[in-house]
Every structure is written in C-alpha cells, then in structure tokens.
Amino acid sequence: MIGKLIDLGFLKLSNWELLDGDLHCDFCKYANEKNILYAYVIDGQIKYIGQTVMELKQRLYGYKKPGPTQSTNIRLNELIKNVIIDGMTSPP
C-alpha cells in the first residue's frame, strides 16, 4: 500500500512523538502549505486520508490538541498516541 501512495507522489511529511504525555510533531518544508492531501499509514495500512484547506501545521495541530467536539481530531489523537505507545511503525 505504501508503494501505491509513493507512486502517487506522497512524501513522508512529519514524525510524531510523545513528550510528557503530549503529542509533538516535527514539521517539514511543507508546514506552511495549504491544500495538501495527506495520509496516516500504520504498519503498511492506510488508516486515514485527509486534505487540508488550511496550512498543514494548523491541521496537524488539531490532531495534537483536539477540541472537545472535534471527533476526527480526537480519534486521530488517540490513534497516534496508541501507535507511539505500542511501538508500531508509521511510514509516510
């Protein structure tokens, strides 16, 4: 599955880590770009595909600090944290 994404032009954009229980993301050169199509791939399986209308760093911040009514942000926040805790791999 990762090969198909790479063939479509997907690049690895960021890495997530837990620091004192909070998610932190390093940003790539595309952090200030808008209208980015992105995917979360975990252990070779696509878990989520999204598109930003805002800057990529703003969109990823929503996953880092979801609001109480932002169900997608809450779900992806938990998914990312669990992947880190479980030690799974998360390519592109």
C-alpha atoms as a PDB file:
ATOM      1  CA  MET A   1       0.000   0.000   0.000  1.00  0.00           C
ATOM      2  CA  ILE A   2       2.836   2.412   0.791  1.00  0.00           C
ATOM      3  CA  GLY A   3       4.248   1.857  -2.675  1.00  0.00           C
ATOM      4  CA  LYS A   4       0.983   2.981  -4.235  1.00  0.00           C
ATOM      5  CA  LEU A   5       0.999   6.181  -2.187  1.00  0.00           C
ATOM      6  CA  ILE A   6       4.606   6.882  -3.144  1.00  0.00           C
ATOM      7  CA  ASP A   7       3.731   6.252  -6.801  1.00  0.00           C
ATOM      8  CA  LEU A   8       1.016   8.900  -6.419  1.00  0.00           C
ATOM      9  CA  GLY A   9       3.586  11.397  -5.112  1.00  0.00           C
ATOM     10  CA  PHE A  10       3.056  11.082  -1.350  1.00  0.00           C
ATOM     11  CA  LEU A  11       6.087  12.006   0.772  1.00  0.00           C
ATOM     12  CA  LYS A  12       6.851  11.499   4.422  1.00  0.00           C
ATOM     13  CA  LEU A  13       5.957  14.844   5.976  1.00  0.00           C
ATOM     14  CA  SER A  14       6.369  14.557   9.712  1.00  0.00           C
ATOM     15  CA  ASN A  15       7.170  12.456  12.739  1.00  0.00           C
ATOM     16  CA  TRP A  16       5.129  12.268  15.904  1.00  0.00           C
ATOM     17  CA  GLU A  17       6.437  11.695  19.424  1.00  0.00           C
ATOM     18  CA  LEU A  18       5.082  11.786  22.952  1.00  0.00           C
ATOM     19  CA  LEU A  19       6.718  14.243  25.338  1.00  0.00           C
ATOM     20  CA  ASP A  20       5.378  14.200  28.884  1.00  0.00           C
ATOM     21  CA  GLY A  21       2.189  12.562  27.595  1.00  0.00           C
ATOM     22  CA  ASP A  22       1.523  15.214  24.929  1.00  0.00           C
ATOM     23  CA  LEU A  23       1.841  14.740  21.191  1.00  0.00           C
ATOM     24  CA  HIS A  24       4.520  16.707  19.381  1.00  0.00           C
ATOM     25  CA  CYS A  25       5.117  16.801  15.663  1.00  0.00           C
ATOM     26  CA  ASP A  26       8.181  17.898  13.780  1.00  0.00           C
ATOM     27  CA  PHE A  27       7.304  19.765  10.630  1.00  0.00           C
ATOM     28  CA  CYS A  28       8.673  19.501   7.158  1.00  0.00           C
ATOM     29  CA  LYS A  29       9.251  22.063   4.474  1.00  0.00           C
ATOM     30  CA  TYR A  30       5.545  21.810   3.593  1.00  0.00           C
ATOM     31  CA  ALA A  31       4.333  23.031   7.004  1.00  0.00           C
ATOM     32  CA  ASN A  32       3.081  26.347   5.625  1.00  0.00           C
ATOM     33  CA  GLU A  33       1.465  24.862   2.514  1.00  0.00           C
ATOM     34  CA  LYS A  34      -2.307  24.738   2.032  1.00  0.00           C
ATOM     35  CA  ASN A  35      -4.441  22.215   0.146  1.00  0.00           C
ATOM     36  CA  ILE A  36      -2.228  19.240   0.979  1.00  0.00           C
ATOM     37  CA  LEU A  37      -3.525  15.697   0.593  1.00  0.00           C
ATOM     38  CA  TYR A  38      -2.075  13.562   3.387  1.00  0.00           C
ATOM     39  CA  ALA A  39      -2.422  10.060   4.766  1.00  0.00           C
ATOM     40  CA  TYR A  40      -1.714   8.253   8.009  1.00  0.00           C
ATOM     41  CA  VAL A  41      -0.190   4.877   7.281  1.00  0.00           C
ATOM     42  CA  ILE A  42       0.420   2.492  10.149  1.00  0.00           C
ATOM     43  CA  ASP A  43       2.200  -0.808   9.699  1.00  0.00           C
ATOM     44  CA  GLY A  44       1.616  -0.610   5.959  1.00  0.00           C
ATOM     45  CA  GLN A  45      -2.130   0.050   6.257  1.00  0.00           C
ATOM     46  CA  ILE A  46      -3.811   3.333   5.366  1.00  0.00           C
ATOM     47  CA  LYS A  47      -5.720   4.470   8.447  1.00  0.00           C
ATOM     48  CA  TYR A  48      -6.801   7.907   7.310  1.00  0.00           C
ATOM     49  CA  ILE A  49      -6.606  10.180   4.281  1.00  0.00           C
ATOM     50  CA  GLY A  50      -7.341  13.870   4.608  1.00  0.00           C
ATOM     51  CA  GLN A  51      -6.913  17.158   2.818  1.00  0.00           C
ATOM     52  CA  THR A  52      -6.119  20.499   4.343  1.00  0.00           C
ATOM     53  CA  VAL A  53      -7.659  23.784   3.327  1.00  0.00           C
ATOM     54  CA  MET A  54      -5.550  25.494   5.961  1.00  0.00           C
ATOM     55  CA  GLU A  55      -1.791  25.294   6.427  1.00  0.00           C
ATOM     56  CA  LEU A  56      -0.566  21.768   7.132  1.00  0.00           C
ATOM     57  CA  LYS A  57       0.895  22.785  10.509  1.00  0.00           C
ATOM     58  CA  GLN A  58      -2.511  24.146  11.574  1.00  0.00           C
ATOM     59  CA  ARG A  59      -4.240  20.923  10.535  1.00  0.00           C
ATOM     60  CA  LEU A  60      -1.769  18.736  12.393  1.00  0.00           C
ATOM     61  CA  TYR A  61      -2.116  20.964  15.452  1.00  0.00           C
ATOM     62  CA  GLY A  62      -5.768  19.905  15.536  1.00  0.00           C
ATOM     63  CA  TYR A  63      -4.638  16.305  15.995  1.00  0.00           C
ATOM     64  CA  LYS A  64      -2.195  17.380  18.686  1.00  0.00           C
ATOM     65  CA  LYS A  65      -4.727  19.429  20.671  1.00  0.00           C
ATOM     66  CA  PRO A  66      -8.260  18.439  19.632  1.00  0.00           C
ATOM     67  CA  GLY A  67     -11.236  20.438  20.830  1.00  0.00           C
ATOM     68  CA  PRO A  68     -13.977  18.637  22.782  1.00  0.00           C
ATOM     69  CA  THR A  69     -16.339  18.467  19.786  1.00  0.00           C
ATOM     70  CA  GLN A  70     -13.764  17.632  17.090  1.00  0.00           C
ATOM     71  CA  SER A  71     -14.436  13.910  16.723  1.00  0.00           C
ATOM     72  CA  THR A  72     -11.948  13.271  13.895  1.00  0.00           C
ATOM     73  CA  ASN A  73      -9.189  15.160  15.722  1.00  0.00           C
ATOM     74  CA  ILE A  74      -9.927  13.264  18.942  1.00  0.00           C
ATOM     75  CA  ARG A  75      -9.920   9.912  17.129  1.00  0.00           C
ATOM     76  CA  LEU A  76      -6.630  10.611  15.337  1.00  0.00           C
ATOM     77  CA  ASN A  77      -5.038  11.996  18.509  1.00  0.00           C
ATOM     78  CA  GLU A  78      -5.795   8.695  20.247  1.00  0.00           C
ATOM     79  CA  LEU A  79      -4.651   6.671  17.236  1.00  0.00           C
ATOM     80  CA  ILE A  80      -1.318   8.494  17.000  1.00  0.00           C
ATOM     81  CA  LYS A  81      -0.706   8.190  20.750  1.00  0.00           C
ATOM     82  CA  ASN A  82      -1.516   4.466  20.704  1.00  0.00           C
ATOM     83  CA  VAL A  83       0.827   3.866  17.768  1.00  0.00           C
ATOM     84  CA  ILE A  84       3.659   5.575  19.625  1.00  0.00           C
ATOM     85  CA  ILE A  85       2.932   3.746  22.868  1.00  0.00           C
ATOM     86  CA  ASP A  86       2.618   0.364  21.145  1.00  0.00           C
ATOM     87  CA  GLY A  87       5.836   0.970  19.205  1.00  0.00           C
ATOM     88  CA  MET A  88       4.287   0.445  15.790  1.00  0.00           C
ATOM     89  CA  THR A  89       5.847   1.939  12.720  1.00  0.00           C
ATOM     90  CA  SER A  90       4.275   4.836  10.874  1.00  0.00           C
ATOM     91  CA  PRO A  91       5.778   5.391   7.427  1.00  0.00           C
ATOM     92  CA  PRO A  92       4.652   8.293   5.212  1.00  0.00           C
END
